[in-house]
All heavy atoms as atom14 arrays in JSON, in Angstrom:
{
  "sequence": "WTFEETRLDDHHHVAVSLGKQEGCGQKHSDVCSMEPNQPQFTLLTFE",
  "atom14_mask": [
    [1, 1, 1, 1, 1, 1, 1, 1, 1, 1, 1, 1, 1, 1],
    [1, 1, 1, 1, 1, 1, 1, 0, 0, 0, 0, 0, 0, 0],
    [1, 1, 1, 1, 1, 1, 1, 1, 1, 1, 1, 0, 0, 0],
    [1, 1, 1, 1, 1, 1, 1, 1, 1, 0, 0, 0, 0, 0],
    [1, 1, 1, 1, 1, 1, 1, 1, 1, 0, 0, 0, 0, 0],
    [1, 1, 1, 1, 1, 1, 1, 0, 0, 0, 0, 0, 0, 0],
    [1, 1, 1, 1, 1, 1, 1, 1, 1, 1, 1, 0, 0, 0],
    [1, 1, 1, 1, 1, 1, 1, 1, 0, 0, 0, 0, 0, 0],
    [1, 1, 1, 1, 1, 1, 1, 1, 0, 0, 0, 0, 0, 0],
    [1, 1, 1, 1, 1, 1, 1, 1, 0, 0, 0, 0, 0, 0],
    [1, 1, 1, 1, 1, 1, 1, 1, 1, 1, 0, 0, 0, 0],
    [1, 1, 1, 1, 1, 1, 1, 1, 1, 1, 0, 0, 0, 0],
    [1, 1, 1, 1, 1, 1, 1, 1, 1, 1, 0, 0, 0, 0],
    [1, 1, 1, 1, 1, 1, 1, 0, 0, 0, 0, 0, 0, 0],
    [1, 1, 1, 1, 1, 0, 0, 0, 0, 0, 0, 0, 0, 0],
    [1, 1, 1, 1, 1, 1, 1, 0, 0, 0, 0, 0, 0, 0],
    [1, 1, 1, 1, 1, 1, 0, 0, 0, 0, 0, 0, 0, 0],
    [1, 1, 1, 1, 1, 1, 1, 1, 0, 0, 0, 0, 0, 0],
    [1, 1, 1, 1, 0, 0, 0, 0, 0, 0, 0, 0, 0, 0],
    [1, 1, 1, 1, 1, 1, 1, 1, 1, 0, 0, 0, 0, 0],
    [1, 1, 1, 1, 1, 1, 1, 1, 1, 0, 0, 0, 0, 0],
    [1, 1, 1, 1, 1, 1, 1, 1, 1, 0, 0, 0, 0, 0],
    [1, 1, 1, 1, 0, 0, 0, 0, 0, 0, 0, 0, 0, 0],
    [1, 1, 1, 1, 1, 1, 0, 0, 0, 0, 0, 0, 0, 0],
    [1, 1, 1, 1, 0, 0, 0, 0, 0, 0, 0, 0, 0, 0],
    [1, 1, 1, 1, 1, 1, 1, 1, 1, 0, 0, 0, 0, 0],
    [1, 1, 1, 1, 1, 1, 1, 1, 1, 0, 0, 0, 0, 0],
    [1, 1, 1, 1, 1, 1, 1, 1, 1, 1, 0, 0, 0, 0],
    [1, 1, 1, 1, 1, 1, 0, 0, 0, 0, 0, 0, 0, 0],
    [1, 1, 1, 1, 1, 1, 1, 1, 0, 0, 0, 0, 0, 0],
    [1, 1, 1, 1, 1, 1, 1, 0, 0, 0, 0, 0, 0, 0],
    [1, 1, 1, 1, 1, 1, 0, 0, 0, 0, 0, 0, 0, 0],
    [1, 1, 1, 1, 1, 1, 0, 0, 0, 0, 0, 0, 0, 0],
    [1, 1, 1, 1, 1, 1, 1, 1, 0, 0, 0, 0, 0, 0],
    [1, 1, 1, 1, 1, 1, 1, 1, 1, 0, 0, 0, 0, 0],
    [1, 1, 1, 1, 1, 1, 1, 0, 0, 0, 0, 0, 0, 0],
    [1, 1, 1, 1, 1, 1, 1, 1, 0, 0, 0, 0, 0, 0],
    [1, 1, 1, 1, 1, 1, 1, 1, 1, 0, 0, 0, 0, 0],
    [1, 1, 1, 1, 1, 1, 1, 0, 0, 0, 0, 0, 0, 0],
    [1, 1, 1, 1, 1, 1, 1, 1, 1, 0, 0, 0, 0, 0],
    [1, 1, 1, 1, 1, 1, 1, 1, 1, 1, 1, 0, 0, 0],
    [1, 1, 1, 1, 1, 1, 1, 0, 0, 0, 0, 0, 0, 0],
    [1, 1, 1, 1, 1, 1, 1, 1, 0, 0, 0, 0, 0, 0],
    [1, 1, 1, 1, 1, 1, 1, 1, 0, 0, 0, 0, 0, 0],
    [1, 1, 1, 1, 1, 1, 1, 0, 0, 0, 0, 0, 0, 0],
    [1, 1, 1, 1, 1, 1, 1, 1, 1, 1, 1, 0, 0, 0],
    [1, 1, 1, 1, 1, 1, 1, 1, 1, 0, 0, 0, 0, 0]
  ],
  "atom14_positions": [
    [[0.83, -1.13, -0.03], [-0.01, 0.02, -0.02], [0.88, 1.24, 0.01], [1.89, 1.26, 0.62], [-0.93, 0.06, 1.19], [-2.07, -0.93, 1.1], [-2.05, -2.22, 1.3], [-3.35, -0.62, 0.52], [-3.25, -2.77, 1.09], [-4.11, -1.78, 0.61], [-4.03, 0.58, 0.06], [-5.45, -1.82, 0.12], [-5.28, 0.59, -0.35], [-6.04, -0.64, -0.3]],
    [[0.48, 2.24, -0.74], [1.09, 3.53, -0.78], [0.06, 4.56, -0.3], [-1.07, 4.52, -0.66], [1.45, 3.89, -2.17], [2.5, 2.93, -2.76], [2.15, 5.26, -2.26], [0.0, 0.0, 0.0], [0.0, 0.0, 0.0], [0.0, 0.0, 0.0], [0.0, 0.0, 0.0], [0.0, 0.0, 0.0], [0.0, 0.0, 0.0], [0.0, 0.0, 0.0]],
    [[0.58, 5.57, 0.49], [-0.26, 6.62, 1.01], [0.27, 8.01, 0.54], [1.34, 8.37, 0.99], [-0.36, 6.43, 2.54], [-0.85, 5.05, 2.97], [0.06, 4.15, 3.35], [-2.23, 4.85, 3.03], [-0.4, 2.8, 3.65], [-2.7, 3.56, 3.33], [-1.81, 2.54, 3.62], [0.0, 0.0, 0.0], [0.0, 0.0, 0.0], [0.0, 0.0, 0.0]],
    [[-0.54, 8.63, -0.16], [-0.25, 10.04, -0.65], [-0.91, 10.9, 0.36], [-2.04, 10.84, 0.72], [-0.76, 10.21, -2.01], [-0.19, 9.5, -3.11], [-0.82, 9.75, -4.42], [-1.78, 10.64, -4.52], [-0.52, 9.08, -5.46], [0.0, 0.0, 0.0], [0.0, 0.0, 0.0], [0.0, 0.0, 0.0], [0.0, 0.0, 0.0], [0.0, 0.0, 0.0]],
    [[-0.17, 12.02, 0.57], [-0.66, 13.04, 1.63], [-0.41, 14.37, 1.01], [0.64, 14.61, 0.51], [-0.02, 12.94, 2.93], [-0.34, 11.71, 3.74], [0.19, 11.8, 5.18], [-0.54, 12.23, 6.01], [1.36, 11.29, 5.38], [0.0, 0.0, 0.0], [0.0, 0.0, 0.0], [0.0, 0.0, 0.0], [0.0, 0.0, 0.0], [0.0, 0.0, 0.0]],
    [[-1.51, 15.18, 1.05], [-1.34, 16.62, 0.52], [-2.12, 17.56, 1.44], [-3.1, 17.2, 1.98], [-1.97, 16.65, -0.85], [-1.44, 15.76, -1.73], [-1.78, 18.05, -1.48], [0.0, 0.0, 0.0], [0.0, 0.0, 0.0], [0.0, 0.0, 0.0], [0.0, 0.0, 0.0], [0.0, 0.0, 0.0], [0.0, 0.0, 0.0], [0.0, 0.0, 0.0]],
    [[-1.6, 18.72, 1.67], [-2.28, 19.88, 2.37], [-2.78, 20.69, 1.25], [-1.96, 21.27, 0.46], [-1.2, 20.63, 3.12], [-1.22, 20.29, 4.71], [-0.24, 21.19, 5.24], [-0.37, 21.66, 6.63], [-1.17, 21.58, 7.59], [-2.27, 20.78, 7.37], [-1.09, 21.92, 8.74], [0.0, 0.0, 0.0], [0.0, 0.0, 0.0], [0.0, 0.0, 0.0]],
    [[-4.04, 20.84, 1.16], [-4.64, 21.76, 0.13], [-4.48, 23.24, 0.53], [-4.24, 24.1, -0.29], [-6.07, 21.47, -0.11], [-6.44, 20.22, -0.82], [-7.94, 20.17, -1.09], [-5.65, 20.03, -2.1], [0.0, 0.0, 0.0], [0.0, 0.0, 0.0], [0.0, 0.0, 0.0], [0.0, 0.0, 0.0], [0.0, 0.0, 0.0], [0.0, 0.0, 0.0]],
    [[-4.52, 23.49, 1.91], [-4.26, 24.82, 2.47], [-3.98, 24.52, 3.83], [-3.66, 23.45, 4.3], [-5.57, 25.68, 2.23], [-6.82, 25.08, 2.85], [-6.67, 24.27, 3.78], [-7.86, 25.55, 2.37], [0.0, 0.0, 0.0], [0.0, 0.0, 0.0], [0.0, 0.0, 0.0], [0.0, 0.0, 0.0], [0.0, 0.0, 0.0], [0.0, 0.0, 0.0]],
    [[-3.98, 25.62, 4.69], [-3.58, 25.55, 6.13], [-4.46, 24.65, 6.91], [-4.16, 24.12, 8.02], [-3.6, 26.87, 6.81], [-2.37, 27.74, 6.41], [-1.33, 27.23, 6.12], [-2.47, 28.98, 6.34], [0.0, 0.0, 0.0], [0.0, 0.0, 0.0], [0.0, 0.0, 0.0], [0.0, 0.0, 0.0], [0.0, 0.0, 0.0], [0.0, 0.0, 0.0]],
    [[-5.67, 24.28, 6.42], [-6.64, 23.64, 7.23], [-7.08, 22.25, 6.74], [-7.76, 21.5, 7.47], [-7.93, 24.41, 7.4], [-7.76, 25.66, 8.3], [-7.05, 26.73, 7.87], [-8.18, 25.89, 9.65], [-7.11, 27.68, 8.84], [-7.78, 27.18, 9.85], [0.0, 0.0, 0.0], [0.0, 0.0, 0.0], [0.0, 0.0, 0.0], [0.0, 0.0, 0.0]],
    [[-6.71, 21.9, 5.49], [-7.19, 20.67, 4.81], [-6.22, 19.7, 4.5], [-5.24, 19.99, 3.72], [-8.07, 21.0, 3.59], [-9.34, 21.77, 3.78], [-9.3, 23.17, 4.01], [-10.62, 21.33, 3.89], [-10.62, 23.49, 4.17], [-11.38, 22.41, 4.13], [0.0, 0.0, 0.0], [0.0, 0.0, 0.0], [0.0, 0.0, 0.0], [0.0, 0.0, 0.0]],
    [[-6.3, 18.51, 5.02], [-5.33, 17.32, 4.78], [-6.22, 16.47, 3.79], [-7.43, 16.14, 3.98], [-5.13, 16.55, 6.04], [-4.19, 17.02, 6.89], [-2.81, 17.05, 6.62], [-4.3, 17.69, 8.12], [-2.13, 17.75, 7.68], [-2.97, 18.04, 8.6], [0.0, 0.0, 0.0], [0.0, 0.0, 0.0], [0.0, 0.0, 0.0], [0.0, 0.0, 0.0]],
    [[-5.56, 15.95, 2.78], [-6.07, 14.95, 1.89], [-5.21, 13.73, 1.95], [-3.91, 13.84, 1.75], [-6.19, 15.44, 0.41], [-6.91, 14.36, -0.47], [-6.94, 16.72, 0.3], [0.0, 0.0, 0.0], [0.0, 0.0, 0.0], [0.0, 0.0, 0.0], [0.0, 0.0, 0.0], [0.0, 0.0, 0.0], [0.0, 0.0, 0.0], [0.0, 0.0, 0.0]],
    [[-5.8, 12.55, 2.09], [-4.97, 11.33, 2.05], [-5.58, 10.41, 0.9], [-6.85, 10.35, 0.8], [-5.11, 10.59, 3.37], [0.0, 0.0, 0.0], [0.0, 0.0, 0.0], [0.0, 0.0, 0.0], [0.0, 0.0, 0.0], [0.0, 0.0, 0.0], [0.0, 0.0, 0.0], [0.0, 0.0, 0.0], [0.0, 0.0, 0.0], [0.0, 0.0, 0.0]],
    [[-4.67, 9.77, 0.12], [-5.11, 8.92, -0.91], [-4.38, 7.55, -0.63], [-3.18, 7.45, -0.53], [-4.73, 9.36, -2.3], [-5.13, 8.39, -3.38], [-5.31, 10.76, -2.57], [0.0, 0.0, 0.0], [0.0, 0.0, 0.0], [0.0, 0.0, 0.0], [0.0, 0.0, 0.0], [0.0, 0.0, 0.0], [0.0, 0.0, 0.0], [0.0, 0.0, 0.0]],
    [[-5.21, 6.48, -0.4], [-4.7, 5.18, -0.21], [-4.68, 4.34, -1.57], [-5.74, 4.38, -2.15], [-5.44, 4.37, 0.79], [-5.33, 4.93, 2.11], [0.0, 0.0, 0.0], [0.0, 0.0, 0.0], [0.0, 0.0, 0.0], [0.0, 0.0, 0.0], [0.0, 0.0, 0.0], [0.0, 0.0, 0.0], [0.0, 0.0, 0.0], [0.0, 0.0, 0.0]],
    [[-3.56, 3.78, -1.88], [-3.55, 3.03, -3.11], [-2.9, 1.69, -2.87], [-1.88, 1.47, -2.27], [-2.58, 3.78, -4.13], [-2.87, 5.14, -4.46], [-1.66, 5.87, -5.21], [-4.05, 5.26, -5.3], [0.0, 0.0, 0.0], [0.0, 0.0, 0.0], [0.0, 0.0, 0.0], [0.0, 0.0, 0.0], [0.0, 0.0, 0.0], [0.0, 0.0, 0.0]],
    [[-3.7, 0.63, -3.3], [-3.36, -0.73, -3.05], [-3.55, -1.71, -4.24], [-4.34, -1.27, -5.19], [0.0, 0.0, 0.0], [0.0, 0.0, 0.0], [0.0, 0.0, 0.0], [0.0, 0.0, 0.0], [0.0, 0.0, 0.0], [0.0, 0.0, 0.0], [0.0, 0.0, 0.0], [0.0, 0.0, 0.0], [0.0, 0.0, 0.0], [0.0, 0.0, 0.0]],
    [[-2.94, -2.79, -4.32], [-3.03, -3.75, -5.37], [-4.52, -4.23, -5.49], [-5.08, -4.6, -4.43], [-2.04, -4.88, -5.17], [-2.16, -5.9, -6.24], [-1.13, -7.12, -6.05], [-1.3, -8.16, -7.03], [-0.4, -9.3, -6.7], [0.0, 0.0, 0.0], [0.0, 0.0, 0.0], [0.0, 0.0, 0.0], [0.0, 0.0, 0.0], [0.0, 0.0, 0.0]],
    [[-4.97, -4.28, -6.75], [-6.36, -4.76, -6.82], [-6.41, -6.24, -6.94], [-5.62, -6.87, -7.61], [-6.96, -4.15, -8.14], [-8.51, -4.35, -8.2], [-9.06, -3.46, -9.4], [-8.42, -2.81, -10.11], [-10.32, -3.62, -9.51], [0.0, 0.0, 0.0], [0.0, 0.0, 0.0], [0.0, 0.0, 0.0], [0.0, 0.0, 0.0], [0.0, 0.0, 0.0]],
    [[-7.39, -6.91, -6.28], [-7.46, -8.34, -6.31], [-7.75, -8.81, -7.78], [-8.59, -8.21, -8.36], [-8.57, -8.79, -5.4], [-8.14, -8.7, -3.93], [-9.35, -9.21, -2.99], [-10.08, -9.93, -3.48], [-9.34, -8.8, -1.81], [0.0, 0.0, 0.0], [0.0, 0.0, 0.0], [0.0, 0.0, 0.0], [0.0, 0.0, 0.0], [0.0, 0.0, 0.0]],
    [[-7.05, -9.84, -8.2], [-7.19, -10.32, -9.48], [-6.41, -9.62, -10.65], [-6.4, -10.0, -11.83], [0.0, 0.0, 0.0], [0.0, 0.0, 0.0], [0.0, 0.0, 0.0], [0.0, 0.0, 0.0], [0.0, 0.0, 0.0], [0.0, 0.0, 0.0], [0.0, 0.0, 0.0], [0.0, 0.0, 0.0], [0.0, 0.0, 0.0], [0.0, 0.0, 0.0]],
    [[-5.72, -8.52, -10.1], [-4.88, -7.87, -11.08], [-3.49, -8.38, -11.0], [-2.86, -8.31, -10.01], [-4.86, -6.34, -10.72], [-4.12, -5.3, -11.96], [0.0, 0.0, 0.0], [0.0, 0.0, 0.0], [0.0, 0.0, 0.0], [0.0, 0.0, 0.0], [0.0, 0.0, 0.0], [0.0, 0.0, 0.0], [0.0, 0.0, 0.0], [0.0, 0.0, 0.0]],
    [[-2.93, -8.8, -12.09], [-1.7, -9.58, -12.07], [-0.53, -8.71, -11.96], [0.56, -9.18, -11.43], [0.0, 0.0, 0.0], [0.0, 0.0, 0.0], [0.0, 0.0, 0.0], [0.0, 0.0, 0.0], [0.0, 0.0, 0.0], [0.0, 0.0, 0.0], [0.0, 0.0, 0.0], [0.0, 0.0, 0.0], [0.0, 0.0, 0.0], [0.0, 0.0, 0.0]],
    [[-0.61, -7.38, -12.23], [0.5, -6.54, -12.01], [0.89, -6.35, -10.59], [-0.04, -6.11, -9.77], [0.17, -5.14, -12.71], [1.11, -4.8, -13.82], [0.56, -3.61, -14.63], [-0.54, -3.16, -14.47], [1.27, -3.06, -15.46], [0.0, 0.0, 0.0], [0.0, 0.0, 0.0], [0.0, 0.0, 0.0], [0.0, 0.0, 0.0], [0.0, 0.0, 0.0]],
    [[2.07, -6.17, -10.3], [2.49, -5.81, -9.0], [2.33, -4.35, -8.79], [2.38, -3.51, -9.76], [4.01, -6.2, -8.71], [4.3, -7.66, -8.68], [5.75, -7.95, -8.41], [6.02, -9.43, -8.28], [7.49, -9.65, -7.99], [0.0, 0.0, 0.0], [0.0, 0.0, 0.0], [0.0, 0.0, 0.0], [0.0, 0.0, 0.0], [0.0, 0.0, 0.0]],
    [[2.04, -3.92, -7.58], [1.82, -2.55, -7.28], [3.1, -1.68, -7.66], [2.85, -0.63, -8.27], [1.63, -2.42, -5.8], [1.33, -0.99, -5.28], [0.94, -0.65, -4.0], [1.27, 0.25, -5.94], [0.68, 0.56, -3.98], [0.85, 1.19, -5.11], [0.0, 0.0, 0.0], [0.0, 0.0, 0.0], [0.0, 0.0, 0.0], [0.0, 0.0, 0.0]],
    [[4.2, -2.21, -7.48], [5.38, -1.43, -7.89], [5.51, -1.17, -9.37], [5.96, -0.23, -9.79], [6.79, -2.12, -7.3], [6.79, -3.39, -7.85], [0.0, 0.0, 0.0], [0.0, 0.0, 0.0], [0.0, 0.0, 0.0], [0.0, 0.0, 0.0], [0.0, 0.0, 0.0], [0.0, 0.0, 0.0], [0.0, 0.0, 0.0], [0.0, 0.0, 0.0]],
    [[5.01, -2.25, -10.14], [5.12, -2.07, -11.57], [4.06, -1.05, -11.96], [4.34, -0.23, -12.91], [4.68, -3.39, -12.19], [5.76, -4.49, -11.94], [6.83, -4.11, -11.68], [5.4, -5.68, -12.1], [0.0, 0.0, 0.0], [0.0, 0.0, 0.0], [0.0, 0.0, 0.0], [0.0, 0.0, 0.0], [0.0, 0.0, 0.0], [0.0, 0.0, 0.0]],
    [[2.87, -1.0, -11.38], [1.86, 0.01, -11.69], [2.39, 1.39, -11.3], [2.28, 2.28, -12.08], [0.57, -0.31, -11.02], [-0.5, 0.69, -11.37], [0.0, -1.7, -11.41], [0.0, 0.0, 0.0], [0.0, 0.0, 0.0], [0.0, 0.0, 0.0], [0.0, 0.0, 0.0], [0.0, 0.0, 0.0], [0.0, 0.0, 0.0], [0.0, 0.0, 0.0]],
    [[2.93, 1.49, -10.2], [3.38, 2.77, -9.63], [4.47, 3.32, -10.67], [4.5, 4.59, -10.85], [3.96, 2.73, -8.35], [2.65, 2.5, -7.03], [0.0, 0.0, 0.0], [0.0, 0.0, 0.0], [0.0, 0.0, 0.0], [0.0, 0.0, 0.0], [0.0, 0.0, 0.0], [0.0, 0.0, 0.0], [0.0, 0.0, 0.0], [0.0, 0.0, 0.0]],
    [[5.34, 2.48, -11.19], [6.36, 3.04, -12.06], [5.9, 3.58, -13.35], [6.6, 4.36, -13.97], [7.38, 1.82, -12.36], [6.68, 0.83, -13.17], [0.0, 0.0, 0.0], [0.0, 0.0, 0.0], [0.0, 0.0, 0.0], [0.0, 0.0, 0.0], [0.0, 0.0, 0.0], [0.0, 0.0, 0.0], [0.0, 0.0, 0.0], [0.0, 0.0, 0.0]],
    [[4.66, 3.27, -13.63], [4.06, 3.84, -14.94], [3.38, 5.2, -14.68], [3.01, 5.77, -15.55], [3.14, 2.93, -15.57], [3.71, 1.52, -15.93], [2.65, 0.6, -16.91], [1.15, 0.53, -15.91], [0.0, 0.0, 0.0], [0.0, 0.0, 0.0], [0.0, 0.0, 0.0], [0.0, 0.0, 0.0], [0.0, 0.0, 0.0], [0.0, 0.0, 0.0]],
    [[3.15, 5.48, -13.34], [2.33, 6.74, -13.09], [3.3, 7.9, -12.99], [4.43, 7.82, -12.66], [1.66, 6.52, -11.81], [0.6, 5.33, -11.8], [0.21, 4.96, -10.49], [0.66, 5.54, -9.52], [-0.56, 3.95, -10.37], [0.0, 0.0, 0.0], [0.0, 0.0, 0.0], [0.0, 0.0, 0.0], [0.0, 0.0, 0.0], [0.0, 0.0, 0.0]],
    [[2.56, 9.16, -13.09], [3.31, 10.23, -12.72], [3.82, 10.19, -11.29], [3.14, 9.73, -10.39], [2.26, 11.39, -12.89], [1.21, 10.91, -13.8], [1.28, 9.36, -13.48], [0.0, 0.0, 0.0], [0.0, 0.0, 0.0], [0.0, 0.0, 0.0], [0.0, 0.0, 0.0], [0.0, 0.0, 0.0], [0.0, 0.0, 0.0], [0.0, 0.0, 0.0]],
    [[5.02, 10.71, -11.06], [5.68, 10.47, -9.73], [4.87, 11.08, -8.62], [4.76, 10.41, -7.55], [7.09, 11.02, -9.81], [8.03, 10.3, -8.67], [7.66, 9.17, -8.34], [9.04, 10.95, -8.26], [0.0, 0.0, 0.0], [0.0, 0.0, 0.0], [0.0, 0.0, 0.0], [0.0, 0.0, 0.0], [0.0, 0.0, 0.0], [0.0, 0.0, 0.0]],
    [[4.41, 12.3, -8.78], [3.78, 12.98, -7.68], [2.48, 13.7, -8.26], [2.54, 14.83, -8.68], [4.66, 14.08, -7.17], [6.03, 13.63, -6.64], [5.91, 12.86, -5.32], [4.82, 12.72, -4.79], [6.98, 12.24, -4.86], [0.0, 0.0, 0.0], [0.0, 0.0, 0.0], [0.0, 0.0, 0.0], [0.0, 0.0, 0.0], [0.0, 0.0, 0.0]],
    [[1.41, 12.89, -8.44], [0.22, 13.47, -8.9], [-0.43, 14.52, -8.09], [-0.83, 14.19, -6.91], [-0.79, 12.3, -9.22], [-0.23, 11.28, -8.24], [1.22, 11.49, -8.05], [0.0, 0.0, 0.0], [0.0, 0.0, 0.0], [0.0, 0.0, 0.0], [0.0, 0.0, 0.0], [0.0, 0.0, 0.0], [0.0, 0.0, 0.0], [0.0, 0.0, 0.0]],
    [[-0.38, 15.72, -8.31], [-0.94, 16.81, -7.49], [-2.42, 17.13, -7.73], [-2.91, 16.76, -8.82], [-0.22, 18.13, -7.77], [1.32, 18.04, -7.25], [2.02, 19.36, -7.58], [1.96, 19.93, -8.53], [2.62, 19.85, -6.4], [0.0, 0.0, 0.0], [0.0, 0.0, 0.0], [0.0, 0.0, 0.0], [0.0, 0.0, 0.0], [0.0, 0.0, 0.0]],
    [[-3.15, 17.6, -6.75], [-4.56, 17.94, -6.86], [-4.64, 19.19, -7.8], [-4.03, 20.24, -7.49], [-5.17, 18.15, -5.59], [-5.68, 16.86, -4.89], [-4.7, 16.03, -4.2], [-6.91, 16.4, -5.18], [-5.22, 14.85, -3.59], [-7.31, 15.14, -4.66], [-6.52, 14.5, -3.9], [0.0, 0.0, 0.0], [0.0, 0.0, 0.0], [0.0, 0.0, 0.0]],
    [[-5.52, 19.14, -8.77], [-5.85, 20.3, -9.64], [-7.14, 20.91, -9.06], [-8.13, 20.19, -8.91], [-6.03, 19.87, -11.06], [-4.87, 19.23, -11.5], [-6.38, 20.94, -11.95], [0.0, 0.0, 0.0], [0.0, 0.0, 0.0], [0.0, 0.0, 0.0], [0.0, 0.0, 0.0], [0.0, 0.0, 0.0], [0.0, 0.0, 0.0], [0.0, 0.0, 0.0]],
    [[-7.05, 22.19, -8.82], [-8.24, 22.87, -8.36], [-9.18, 23.26, -9.52], [-8.64, 23.94, -10.51], [-7.86, 24.11, -7.55], [-8.76, 24.8, -6.53], [-9.07, 23.7, -5.47], [-8.15, 26.01, -5.95], [0.0, 0.0, 0.0], [0.0, 0.0, 0.0], [0.0, 0.0, 0.0], [0.0, 0.0, 0.0], [0.0, 0.0, 0.0], [0.0, 0.0, 0.0]],
    [[-10.36, 22.85, -9.5], [-11.3, 23.03, -10.62], [-12.29, 24.23, -10.33], [-12.62, 24.39, -9.21], [-12.04, 21.79, -10.88], [-11.34, 20.47, -11.19], [-12.34, 19.35, -11.44], [-10.47, 20.65, -12.35], [0.0, 0.0, 0.0], [0.0, 0.0, 0.0], [0.0, 0.0, 0.0], [0.0, 0.0, 0.0], [0.0, 0.0, 0.0], [0.0, 0.0, 0.0]],
    [[-12.65, 24.88, -11.33], [-13.8, 25.91, -11.33], [-15.05, 25.21, -11.57], [-15.05, 24.04, -12.09], [-13.53, 27.04, -12.37], [-13.62, 26.38, -13.63], [-12.12, 27.65, -12.18], [0.0, 0.0, 0.0], [0.0, 0.0, 0.0], [0.0, 0.0, 0.0], [0.0, 0.0, 0.0], [0.0, 0.0, 0.0], [0.0, 0.0, 0.0], [0.0, 0.0, 0.0]],
    [[-16.19, 25.84, -11.49], [-17.48, 25.31, -11.87], [-17.52, 25.09, -13.33], [-18.1, 24.03, -13.76], [-18.63, 26.19, -11.38], [-19.97, 25.7, -11.83], [-20.56, 24.56, -11.21], [-20.67, 26.22, -12.96], [-21.81, 24.1, -11.55], [-21.85, 25.72, -13.28], [-22.48, 24.61, -12.6], [0.0, 0.0, 0.0], [0.0, 0.0, 0.0], [0.0, 0.0, 0.0]],
    [[-16.97, 25.96, -14.09], [-16.88, 25.75, -15.6], [-16.14, 24.47, -16.03], [-16.57, 23.72, -16.83], [-16.23, 27.01, -16.21], [-17.08, 28.26, -16.21], [-17.26, 28.9, -14.86], [-16.35, 28.7, -13.98], [-18.22, 29.56, -14.63], [0.0, 0.0, 0.0], [0.0, 0.0, 0.0], [0.0, 0.0, 0.0], [0.0, 0.0, 0.0], [0.0, 0.0, 0.0]]
  ]
}
């Protein structure tokens, strides 16, 4: 399991838990290696 942590501002913590999916042959480390290293939260507008 990998745990990403981000502070959006002074008051908000975000945690993302990432784990191997059952039945998925790929190892977690293999999947992680294909992803962006540090996926940051993008702030969206209503538009």
